[in-house]
N, C-alpha and C. Protein backbone atom coordinates (compact mmCIF):
# COMPACT_ATOMS: atom_id res chain seq x y z
N MET A 1 -17.61 15.11 74.95
CA MET A 1 -17.98 14.50 76.51
C MET A 1 -18.22 13.08 75.86
N LYS A 2 -19.42 13.02 74.59
CA LYS A 2 -19.73 12.48 73.40
C LYS A 2 -18.56 12.16 73.71
N THR A 3 -17.76 12.47 73.66
CA THR A 3 -16.17 11.54 72.41
C THR A 3 -15.29 10.63 73.07
N SER A 4 -15.27 11.64 74.00
CA SER A 4 -14.25 10.88 75.25
C SER A 4 -14.91 9.36 76.01
N ILE A 5 -15.75 9.77 76.60
CA ILE A 5 -16.22 8.15 76.44
C ILE A 5 -16.35 7.05 75.43
N PHE A 6 -16.47 7.46 74.08
CA PHE A 6 -16.51 6.95 73.00
C PHE A 6 -15.24 5.82 72.63
N SER A 7 -13.64 7.28 72.97
CA SER A 7 -12.72 6.69 72.92
C SER A 7 -12.20 5.85 74.04
N LEU A 8 -12.91 5.72 74.96
CA LEU A 8 -12.60 4.99 76.32
C LEU A 8 -13.18 4.44 75.60
N ILE A 9 -14.55 3.70 75.59
CA ILE A 9 -15.13 2.70 74.81
C ILE A 9 -14.13 1.65 74.23
N LEU A 10 -13.08 2.64 72.57
CA LEU A 10 -12.42 2.17 71.79
C LEU A 10 -11.49 1.25 72.20
N PHE A 11 -10.57 2.54 72.88
CA PHE A 11 -9.92 1.97 74.52
C PHE A 11 -9.63 0.80 75.00
N LEU A 12 -10.98 0.13 75.72
CA LEU A 12 -10.76 -0.37 75.93
C LEU A 12 -11.09 -1.89 75.68
N SER A 13 -11.74 -1.70 74.24
CA SER A 13 -12.24 -2.19 73.35
C SER A 13 -11.26 -3.54 72.91
N SER A 14 -10.43 -2.17 72.52
CA SER A 14 -8.78 -2.98 71.72
C SER A 14 -8.06 -3.31 73.29
N ILE A 15 -7.98 -2.88 74.41
CA ILE A 15 -7.09 -4.07 74.99
C ILE A 15 -7.91 -5.37 75.21
N SER A 16 -9.43 -5.43 75.11
CA SER A 16 -9.83 -7.18 75.04
C SER A 16 -9.28 -7.32 73.13
N LEU A 17 -9.66 -6.38 73.31
CA LEU A 17 -9.25 -7.66 70.95
C LEU A 17 -7.58 -8.61 71.19
N SER A 18 -7.28 -7.22 72.13
CA SER A 18 -5.32 -7.96 71.85
C SER A 18 -5.47 -8.68 73.24
N ASN A 19 -6.07 -9.18 74.08
CA ASN A 19 -5.55 -10.12 75.21
C ASN A 19 -5.81 -11.43 74.61
N GLY A 20 -7.27 -10.89 73.79
CA GLY A 20 -7.55 -12.33 73.16
C GLY A 20 -6.10 -13.23 71.97
N GLN A 21 -5.39 -12.49 71.68
CA GLN A 21 -4.87 -12.66 70.42
C GLN A 21 -3.80 -13.18 71.63
N ASP A 22 -3.82 -13.06 72.58
CA ASP A 22 -2.47 -13.37 73.44
C ASP A 22 -2.83 -15.37 73.81
N MET A 23 -4.08 -16.24 73.42
CA MET A 23 -4.39 -17.35 73.38
C MET A 23 -3.51 -18.65 73.04
N VAL A 24 -3.46 -19.38 73.77
CA VAL A 24 -2.69 -20.15 73.44
C VAL A 24 -3.66 -21.61 73.17
N PHE A 25 -3.14 -23.13 72.56
CA PHE A 25 -3.80 -24.22 72.15
C PHE A 25 -3.35 -25.71 72.82
N PRO A 26 -2.51 -25.06 73.71
CA PRO A 26 -1.91 -26.69 74.40
C PRO A 26 -1.77 -27.94 73.69
N ALA A 27 -3.65 -28.47 73.16
CA ALA A 27 -3.46 -29.21 73.09
C ALA A 27 -4.22 -29.91 71.46
N ILE A 28 -5.13 -28.74 71.50
CA ILE A 28 -6.79 -28.89 71.18
C ILE A 28 -6.14 -27.29 70.61
N LYS A 29 -5.66 -27.58 68.99
CA LYS A 29 -5.18 -27.02 67.92
C LYS A 29 -6.09 -26.29 67.49
N GLY A 30 -6.56 -24.30 67.49
CA GLY A 30 -6.78 -23.98 67.42
C GLY A 30 -9.18 -22.90 67.53
N TYR A 31 -8.85 -24.38 68.43
CA TYR A 31 -9.73 -24.55 70.09
C TYR A 31 -10.16 -24.57 70.66
N GLY A 32 -10.38 -23.86 72.01
CA GLY A 32 -11.25 -23.77 73.31
C GLY A 32 -9.98 -23.05 74.19
N GLY A 33 -9.07 -21.98 73.13
CA GLY A 33 -8.06 -21.19 73.69
C GLY A 33 -7.82 -21.62 74.75
N VAL A 34 -7.17 -21.02 75.74
CA VAL A 34 -6.76 -20.66 77.31
C VAL A 34 -5.19 -19.03 76.81
N ILE A 35 -6.02 -18.44 77.94
CA ILE A 35 -4.97 -16.71 78.36
C ILE A 35 -3.93 -17.73 79.48
N PRO A 36 -2.95 -17.74 78.08
CA PRO A 36 -1.73 -17.54 79.68
C PRO A 36 -1.73 -16.95 80.81
N VAL A 37 -1.77 -17.42 82.13
CA VAL A 37 -0.99 -17.07 83.60
C VAL A 37 -0.27 -16.81 83.74
N PRO A 38 0.37 -15.40 84.02
CA PRO A 38 2.07 -15.34 84.26
C PRO A 38 2.32 -14.94 85.50
N PHE A 39 1.37 -15.58 86.65
CA PHE A 39 1.89 -15.66 88.09
C PHE A 39 0.67 -17.13 88.49
N GLU A 40 2.07 -17.47 89.23
CA GLU A 40 2.03 -18.58 90.78
C GLU A 40 0.27 -18.72 90.91
N VAL A 41 0.20 -19.87 90.98
CA VAL A 41 -1.24 -20.03 90.48
C VAL A 41 -1.92 -21.35 91.35
N GLU A 42 -2.78 -21.82 91.63
CA GLU A 42 -3.32 -22.90 91.87
C GLU A 42 -3.82 -23.70 90.56
N ASN A 43 -2.74 -25.33 91.15
CA ASN A 43 -3.09 -26.09 89.74
C ASN A 43 -3.50 -27.31 89.75
N PRO A 44 -3.73 -28.18 89.01
CA PRO A 44 -4.81 -29.18 89.08
C PRO A 44 -3.11 -29.84 89.71
N ASP A 45 -3.81 -31.75 90.42
CA ASP A 45 -2.48 -31.90 90.81
C ASP A 45 -2.11 -33.54 89.40
N PRO A 46 -1.34 -33.04 88.66
CA PRO A 46 -1.07 -34.03 86.84
C PRO A 46 -0.25 -35.49 88.16
N THR A 47 -0.57 -35.54 89.15
CA THR A 47 -0.35 -36.75 88.81
C THR A 47 -2.33 -37.39 89.31
N LYS A 48 -3.34 -37.41 89.48
CA LYS A 48 -4.72 -37.35 90.44
C LYS A 48 -4.91 -37.73 88.37
N PRO A 49 -5.85 -38.53 88.00
CA PRO A 49 -6.97 -38.90 86.56
C PRO A 49 -7.14 -37.55 87.34
N TYR A 50 -8.55 -36.97 85.41
CA TYR A 50 -9.43 -36.74 86.14
C TYR A 50 -10.03 -36.75 84.64
N LYS A 51 -11.57 -37.30 85.72
CA LYS A 51 -13.02 -37.91 84.56
C LYS A 51 -13.88 -36.60 85.25
N LEU A 52 -13.65 -36.62 83.63
CA LEU A 52 -15.45 -35.31 83.58
C LEU A 52 -16.33 -36.02 82.09
N VAL A 53 -17.30 -34.74 82.59
CA VAL A 53 -18.71 -35.49 81.57
C VAL A 53 -19.61 -34.02 81.35
N ILE A 54 -19.19 -32.71 80.01
CA ILE A 54 -19.45 -31.87 79.80
C ILE A 54 -21.19 -32.69 78.68
N GLU A 55 -22.61 -32.32 80.05
CA GLU A 55 -23.94 -32.57 78.58
C GLU A 55 -23.67 -30.87 77.85
N LEU A 56 -23.91 -31.06 77.07
CA LEU A 56 -24.21 -29.74 75.79
C LEU A 56 -26.44 -29.73 74.95
N GLY A 57 -26.70 -29.30 75.17
CA GLY A 57 -28.12 -28.99 74.69
C GLY A 57 -28.78 -27.90 74.46
N ASP A 58 -28.09 -26.95 74.65
CA ASP A 58 -28.37 -26.14 74.09
C ASP A 58 -28.43 -25.81 72.44
N ARG A 59 -30.00 -25.13 72.39
CA ARG A 59 -29.65 -24.37 70.52
C ARG A 59 -28.78 -24.89 70.18
N LEU A 60 -28.99 -24.84 69.22
CA LEU A 60 -27.51 -23.40 68.21
C LEU A 60 -28.47 -22.98 67.33
N GLU A 61 -28.44 -21.66 67.43
CA GLU A 61 -28.56 -20.38 67.13
C GLU A 61 -28.10 -20.05 65.16
N ASP A 62 -26.68 -19.70 65.41
CA ASP A 62 -26.35 -19.47 64.39
C ASP A 62 -25.45 -21.14 63.51
N LYS A 63 -25.98 -21.77 62.97
CA LYS A 63 -25.44 -22.90 62.10
C LYS A 63 -24.82 -22.86 61.46
N SER A 64 -23.92 -21.24 61.64
CA SER A 64 -22.53 -21.60 60.39
C SER A 64 -21.44 -21.04 61.47
N GLN A 65 -21.40 -21.20 62.60
CA GLN A 65 -20.00 -21.00 63.93
C GLN A 65 -20.56 -22.77 65.04
N VAL A 66 -19.58 -22.61 64.91
CA VAL A 66 -18.86 -23.30 65.19
C VAL A 66 -19.65 -23.34 66.61
N ALA A 67 -20.55 -24.17 67.37
CA ALA A 67 -21.01 -24.08 68.20
C ALA A 67 -20.20 -23.63 70.11
N GLU A 68 -21.24 -22.77 70.33
CA GLU A 68 -19.18 -22.37 71.30
C GLU A 68 -19.48 -23.11 72.89
N MET A 69 -20.22 -23.67 73.51
CA MET A 69 -20.68 -25.35 73.95
C MET A 69 -19.57 -26.03 74.20
N LEU A 70 -19.25 -26.94 72.74
CA LEU A 70 -18.56 -27.03 72.26
C LEU A 70 -16.92 -27.21 72.11
N ASP A 71 -16.79 -25.38 71.85
CA ASP A 71 -15.71 -24.86 71.95
C ASP A 71 -14.97 -24.58 73.43
N TYR A 72 -16.08 -23.94 74.88
CA TYR A 72 -16.17 -24.28 75.77
C TYR A 72 -14.97 -25.67 76.25
N ALA A 73 -16.04 -27.15 75.60
CA ALA A 73 -15.31 -28.27 76.44
C ALA A 73 -13.47 -28.44 75.90
N ALA A 74 -13.77 -28.08 74.81
CA ALA A 74 -12.18 -27.53 74.18
C ALA A 74 -11.20 -26.69 75.11
N ARG A 75 -11.60 -26.20 75.53
CA ARG A 75 -11.06 -25.16 76.68
C ARG A 75 -10.86 -25.99 78.30
N MET A 76 -11.92 -27.02 78.43
CA MET A 76 -11.77 -27.45 79.75
C MET A 76 -10.32 -28.47 79.12
N TYR A 77 -10.08 -29.04 78.35
CA TYR A 77 -8.76 -30.17 77.64
C TYR A 77 -8.53 -29.47 78.35
N ASN A 78 -8.32 -28.62 77.14
CA ASN A 78 -6.85 -27.38 77.44
C ASN A 78 -6.20 -26.60 78.45
N LEU A 79 -8.07 -26.35 79.28
CA LEU A 79 -7.45 -25.58 80.35
C LEU A 79 -6.33 -25.98 81.92
N HIS A 80 -7.07 -27.36 81.82
CA HIS A 80 -6.23 -28.86 82.11
C HIS A 80 -4.36 -29.41 81.41
N ARG A 81 -4.39 -29.25 80.06
CA ARG A 81 -3.47 -29.58 79.62
C ARG A 81 -2.20 -28.29 80.33
N TYR A 82 -3.06 -26.77 79.66
CA TYR A 82 -2.15 -25.71 80.46
C TYR A 82 -1.79 -26.51 81.82
N ALA A 83 -1.93 -26.43 82.83
CA ALA A 83 -1.89 -26.47 84.36
C ALA A 83 -1.43 -27.20 84.25
N GLY A 84 -0.78 -28.89 83.27
CA GLY A 84 0.32 -29.50 83.20
C GLY A 84 -0.48 -30.73 84.23
N VAL A 85 -1.57 -31.41 83.74
CA VAL A 85 -2.11 -32.81 84.19
C VAL A 85 -1.18 -32.64 82.21
N PRO A 86 -1.15 -33.80 82.16
CA PRO A 86 -1.08 -35.28 80.68
C PRO A 86 -1.90 -35.77 80.29
N LYS A 87 -1.48 -35.78 79.28
CA LYS A 87 -2.48 -36.55 78.90
C LYS A 87 -3.42 -37.52 79.32
N GLU A 88 -3.08 -38.00 79.68
CA GLU A 88 -3.32 -39.77 79.81
C GLU A 88 -3.87 -39.94 81.23
N ASN A 89 -3.65 -38.68 82.06
CA ASN A 89 -4.68 -38.54 83.13
C ASN A 89 -5.85 -37.59 82.65
N ILE A 90 -6.60 -37.22 82.09
CA ILE A 90 -7.82 -36.64 81.94
C ILE A 90 -8.38 -37.48 81.08
N GLU A 91 -9.58 -37.26 81.76
CA GLU A 91 -10.94 -38.28 80.32
C GLU A 91 -12.26 -37.29 80.60
N LEU A 92 -12.29 -36.56 79.42
CA LEU A 92 -13.58 -36.33 79.44
C LEU A 92 -14.27 -36.17 78.20
N ALA A 93 -15.52 -36.68 77.92
CA ALA A 93 -16.48 -37.02 77.30
C ALA A 93 -17.71 -35.79 77.37
N VAL A 94 -17.91 -35.76 76.45
CA VAL A 94 -18.95 -34.97 76.03
C VAL A 94 -20.82 -35.54 75.50
N VAL A 95 -21.62 -35.29 75.89
CA VAL A 95 -22.20 -35.98 75.63
C VAL A 95 -24.01 -34.59 74.85
N VAL A 96 -24.10 -34.08 73.95
CA VAL A 96 -24.83 -33.83 73.42
C VAL A 96 -26.22 -33.98 73.09
N TYR A 97 -27.11 -33.30 72.98
CA TYR A 97 -28.39 -33.59 73.36
C TYR A 97 -29.59 -33.16 72.28
N SER A 98 -30.39 -32.89 72.67
CA SER A 98 -31.59 -31.97 71.98
C SER A 98 -31.34 -30.22 71.30
N GLY A 99 -31.36 -30.21 71.41
CA GLY A 99 -30.89 -28.39 70.36
C GLY A 99 -29.68 -28.44 69.67
N SER A 100 -28.44 -28.98 70.21
CA SER A 100 -26.83 -29.35 70.57
C SER A 100 -27.01 -30.65 69.30
N ALA A 101 -27.81 -31.35 69.12
CA ALA A 101 -27.67 -32.30 68.10
C ALA A 101 -27.38 -31.90 67.10
N PRO A 102 -27.78 -30.86 66.33
CA PRO A 102 -26.29 -30.97 64.75
C PRO A 102 -25.27 -30.21 65.46
N THR A 103 -24.60 -30.10 66.08
CA THR A 103 -23.02 -30.36 66.21
C THR A 103 -23.29 -31.27 65.69
N VAL A 104 -23.68 -32.23 66.54
CA VAL A 104 -22.76 -34.10 65.48
C VAL A 104 -23.06 -33.84 64.14
N LEU A 105 -23.82 -33.64 64.06
CA LEU A 105 -23.87 -33.67 62.33
C LEU A 105 -22.56 -34.85 61.87
N SER A 106 -23.67 -35.57 60.53
CA SER A 106 -21.83 -36.03 58.97
C SER A 106 -22.25 -33.83 58.32
N ASN A 107 -20.71 -34.11 57.54
CA ASN A 107 -21.01 -32.88 56.24
C ASN A 107 -21.94 -33.27 55.86
N GLN A 108 -22.48 -34.33 55.22
CA GLN A 108 -23.88 -34.47 54.48
C GLN A 108 -24.99 -34.16 55.18
N THR A 109 -25.80 -35.24 56.45
CA THR A 109 -26.56 -34.63 56.68
C THR A 109 -26.83 -32.87 57.20
N TYR A 110 -25.75 -31.80 57.13
CA TYR A 110 -26.15 -31.23 58.02
C TYR A 110 -25.28 -30.57 56.38
N SER A 111 -25.56 -30.25 56.12
CA SER A 111 -25.16 -29.98 54.31
C SER A 111 -26.63 -29.57 53.85
N LYS A 112 -27.70 -30.54 53.50
CA LYS A 112 -28.45 -31.20 53.19
C LYS A 112 -29.90 -30.22 53.85
N ARG A 113 -29.48 -30.05 55.81
CA ARG A 113 -30.72 -29.70 56.26
C ARG A 113 -30.52 -27.68 56.82
N PHE A 114 -28.89 -27.44 56.16
CA PHE A 114 -28.87 -26.26 56.81
C PHE A 114 -28.05 -25.88 55.83
N ASN A 115 -27.55 -26.46 54.13
CA ASN A 115 -27.12 -25.55 53.46
C ASN A 115 -25.03 -24.96 52.96
N LEU A 116 -24.56 -26.44 54.64
CA LEU A 116 -23.61 -25.17 54.88
C LEU A 116 -22.64 -26.61 55.19
N GLU A 117 -21.34 -27.20 54.97
CA GLU A 117 -20.33 -27.87 56.18
C GLU A 117 -21.25 -27.71 57.43
N ASN A 118 -20.21 -28.80 58.15
CA ASN A 118 -20.34 -28.46 59.25
C ASN A 118 -19.49 -27.91 59.65
N PRO A 119 -20.11 -26.78 60.84
CA PRO A 119 -18.39 -26.29 60.93
C PRO A 119 -17.81 -26.53 61.96
N ASN A 120 -18.13 -27.20 62.94
CA ASN A 120 -18.21 -28.31 64.49
C ASN A 120 -17.11 -29.81 63.52
N ALA A 121 -17.37 -29.64 62.52
CA ALA A 121 -16.57 -31.41 61.56
C ALA A 121 -15.35 -30.89 62.72
N GLU A 122 -14.17 -29.47 62.32
CA GLU A 122 -12.37 -29.63 62.05
C GLU A 122 -12.77 -30.10 63.80
N LEU A 123 -12.83 -29.17 64.16
CA LEU A 123 -13.48 -29.64 66.05
C LEU A 123 -13.66 -30.92 66.57
N LEU A 124 -14.36 -31.50 66.13
CA LEU A 124 -14.76 -33.09 66.49
C LEU A 124 -13.68 -34.12 66.55
N ASP A 125 -12.96 -33.38 65.19
CA ASP A 125 -12.04 -34.33 64.68
C ASP A 125 -10.91 -33.74 65.67
N GLU A 126 -10.83 -32.82 66.24
CA GLU A 126 -9.33 -32.43 67.02
C GLU A 126 -9.66 -32.87 68.66
N LEU A 127 -11.58 -32.97 69.20
CA LEU A 127 -11.95 -33.52 70.64
C LEU A 127 -11.52 -35.29 69.92
N GLN A 128 -11.86 -35.84 69.07
CA GLN A 128 -11.30 -37.09 68.36
C GLN A 128 -9.86 -37.86 69.60
N ARG A 129 -9.18 -37.02 68.03
CA ARG A 129 -7.61 -36.53 67.91
C ARG A 129 -7.78 -37.02 69.59
N ASN A 130 -7.32 -36.15 70.59
CA ASN A 130 -7.13 -36.50 72.25
C ASN A 130 -8.31 -36.90 72.90
N GLY A 131 -8.91 -38.21 71.95
CA GLY A 131 -9.14 -38.94 73.05
C GLY A 131 -9.99 -38.60 73.86
N ILE A 132 -11.09 -37.36 73.10
CA ILE A 132 -12.57 -37.45 74.31
C ILE A 132 -13.50 -38.15 73.40
N GLN A 133 -13.92 -38.20 73.87
CA GLN A 133 -15.86 -38.69 73.78
C GLN A 133 -16.49 -37.98 73.17
N VAL A 134 -17.14 -38.12 72.21
CA VAL A 134 -18.49 -37.46 71.76
C VAL A 134 -19.28 -38.49 72.02
N ILE A 135 -20.59 -38.71 72.52
CA ILE A 135 -21.56 -39.12 72.44
C ILE A 135 -22.72 -38.31 72.11
N VAL A 136 -24.13 -38.90 71.44
CA VAL A 136 -25.01 -38.08 71.21
C VAL A 136 -26.44 -39.24 71.60
N CYS A 137 -26.84 -38.30 71.83
CA CYS A 137 -28.61 -38.81 72.81
C CYS A 137 -29.41 -39.99 71.65
N GLY A 138 -29.46 -40.54 72.03
CA GLY A 138 -30.01 -41.50 71.06
C GLY A 138 -32.16 -41.19 70.55
N GLN A 139 -32.26 -40.65 71.67
CA GLN A 139 -33.80 -39.72 72.33
C GLN A 139 -33.45 -38.60 71.72
N SER A 140 -32.63 -37.49 72.16
CA SER A 140 -32.61 -36.93 71.06
C SER A 140 -33.05 -36.94 69.63
N MET A 141 -31.75 -37.97 68.38
CA MET A 141 -31.92 -38.90 66.94
C MET A 141 -32.80 -39.23 66.32
N MET A 142 -34.40 -39.73 67.50
CA MET A 142 -35.47 -40.31 67.12
C MET A 142 -36.21 -39.03 66.47
N LYS A 143 -36.04 -38.14 67.87
CA LYS A 143 -37.53 -36.68 67.49
C LYS A 143 -36.73 -35.94 66.87
N GLN A 144 -35.31 -35.76 66.25
CA GLN A 144 -34.94 -35.54 65.51
C GLN A 144 -35.14 -36.00 64.17
N ASN A 145 -35.24 -37.05 63.95
CA ASN A 145 -36.01 -38.04 62.57
C ASN A 145 -33.87 -38.23 61.87
N LEU A 146 -33.05 -38.40 63.06
CA LEU A 146 -32.30 -38.87 62.24
C LEU A 146 -31.68 -40.10 62.49
N LEU A 147 -30.36 -40.66 61.72
CA LEU A 147 -30.51 -42.08 61.54
C LEU A 147 -28.37 -41.89 61.57
N PRO A 148 -27.82 -43.52 62.31
CA PRO A 148 -27.27 -43.83 62.74
C PRO A 148 -25.77 -43.15 61.75
N GLU A 149 -26.67 -42.95 60.00
CA GLU A 149 -25.24 -42.55 59.50
C GLU A 149 -25.12 -40.98 58.45
N ASP A 150 -26.40 -40.46 60.22
CA ASP A 150 -26.19 -39.18 59.81
C ASP A 150 -25.16 -37.77 60.29
N ILE A 151 -25.08 -38.76 61.26
CA ILE A 151 -24.25 -38.78 62.23
C ILE A 151 -22.26 -38.60 62.79
N TYR A 152 -21.63 -38.16 63.36
CA TYR A 152 -20.25 -37.52 62.25
C TYR A 152 -19.59 -38.76 62.26
N PRO A 153 -18.83 -38.97 61.51
CA PRO A 153 -17.79 -40.31 62.21
C PRO A 153 -17.45 -40.20 63.70
N GLY A 154 -17.41 -40.95 63.74
CA GLY A 154 -16.91 -41.51 65.61
C GLY A 154 -17.28 -41.25 66.48
N VAL A 155 -18.21 -40.54 66.37
CA VAL A 155 -19.67 -40.12 66.93
C VAL A 155 -19.91 -41.32 67.99
N ARG A 156 -19.48 -41.24 69.77
CA ARG A 156 -21.15 -42.36 70.21
C ARG A 156 -22.44 -42.50 69.67
N MET A 157 -23.40 -43.17 69.83
CA MET A 157 -24.89 -43.61 69.81
C MET A 157 -24.76 -44.29 71.66
N ALA A 158 -25.93 -43.00 71.86
CA ALA A 158 -26.05 -43.78 73.49
C ALA A 158 -27.72 -43.90 73.80
N VAL A 159 -28.31 -44.59 74.39
CA VAL A 159 -29.99 -44.37 74.06
C VAL A 159 -30.70 -43.58 74.68
N SER A 160 -28.95 -42.37 75.52
CA SER A 160 -30.54 -41.32 76.28
C SER A 160 -28.89 -40.31 76.59
N ARG A 161 -29.23 -39.53 76.66
CA ARG A 161 -28.48 -38.25 77.61
C ARG A 161 -28.50 -38.61 79.01
N PHE A 162 -29.30 -39.36 80.02
CA PHE A 162 -29.23 -39.75 80.29
C PHE A 162 -28.00 -40.83 80.48
N THR A 163 -28.51 -41.99 80.22
CA THR A 163 -27.94 -42.85 79.88
C THR A 163 -26.85 -43.41 80.19
N ALA A 164 -26.13 -42.11 78.99
CA ALA A 164 -25.33 -41.92 78.71
C ALA A 164 -23.91 -41.71 80.37
N THR A 165 -25.05 -40.24 80.56
CA THR A 165 -24.10 -39.90 82.00
C THR A 165 -24.37 -40.41 83.32
N THR A 166 -25.35 -41.63 82.81
CA THR A 166 -24.95 -41.89 84.85
C THR A 166 -25.11 -43.25 84.74
N ASP A 167 -23.95 -43.35 83.42
CA ASP A 167 -23.16 -44.87 83.35
C ASP A 167 -22.10 -44.18 83.16
N LEU A 168 -21.25 -42.69 82.94
CA LEU A 168 -19.54 -42.20 83.12
C LEU A 168 -19.19 -41.45 84.26
N ILE A 169 -20.70 -41.27 84.57
CA ILE A 169 -20.31 -41.60 86.75
C ILE A 169 -20.40 -42.26 86.85
N GLN A 170 -21.03 -42.92 86.59
CA GLN A 170 -20.67 -44.81 87.52
C GLN A 170 -19.57 -45.16 86.89
N LYS A 171 -19.18 -44.93 86.59
CA LYS A 171 -17.70 -44.57 85.81
C LYS A 171 -16.14 -43.50 86.70
N GLY A 172 -16.79 -43.55 87.60
CA GLY A 172 -16.40 -42.33 88.61
C GLY A 172 -15.62 -40.90 87.64
N TYR A 173 -16.82 -40.81 86.30
CA TYR A 173 -16.19 -39.60 85.56
C TYR A 173 -17.36 -38.42 86.74
N GLN A 174 -17.71 -37.32 86.64
CA GLN A 174 -18.03 -35.60 87.29
C GLN A 174 -18.77 -34.58 86.32
N VAL A 175 -19.93 -34.74 86.63
CA VAL A 175 -20.73 -34.17 85.62
C VAL A 175 -19.84 -32.15 85.83
N ILE A 176 -19.60 -32.07 85.31
CA ILE A 176 -18.89 -30.36 84.96
C ILE A 176 -20.80 -29.25 84.21
N VAL A 177 -20.86 -29.02 85.44
CA VAL A 177 -22.04 -27.87 85.32
C VAL A 177 -21.74 -27.05 83.69
N LEU A 178 -21.57 -26.31 82.92
CA LEU A 178 -21.63 -25.39 82.12
C LEU A 178 -22.92 -23.71 81.86
């Protein structure tokens, strides 16, 4: 009985792993993978603009890995591109605050604090290459003794997470809660 349960678990695990190999990356290469959907589905209107803001505040538990929520933000963008929304119709902003602030540290600062390169650097480059704004909360920076030169190149700095997000809302962005 134990052997057949173990075999079933092993079989189901191999199925889920094989599905992971079928990921596609329509815009942000190597991050935010999308599983192809081979049947007719509801899709967003590719002629409409999509202005989205995602807030990331979860504490980074494993500093050697890409931040899961940052990868999820990449997935949000890739899903829209996969669904046929052109790049020019998607505006995505990622507001980073609190325990997620280390995500946007420069490689030099990350290395000083955690003795390794920032594993998010390549993803931050990909996000910026795709026109995605990454904004860090100035209040979080101050609480963590971070200076502008400690932040990854291209990441914008706001007075706070709240002012960044409310400003984006005023500009027509919708907050996506992860």
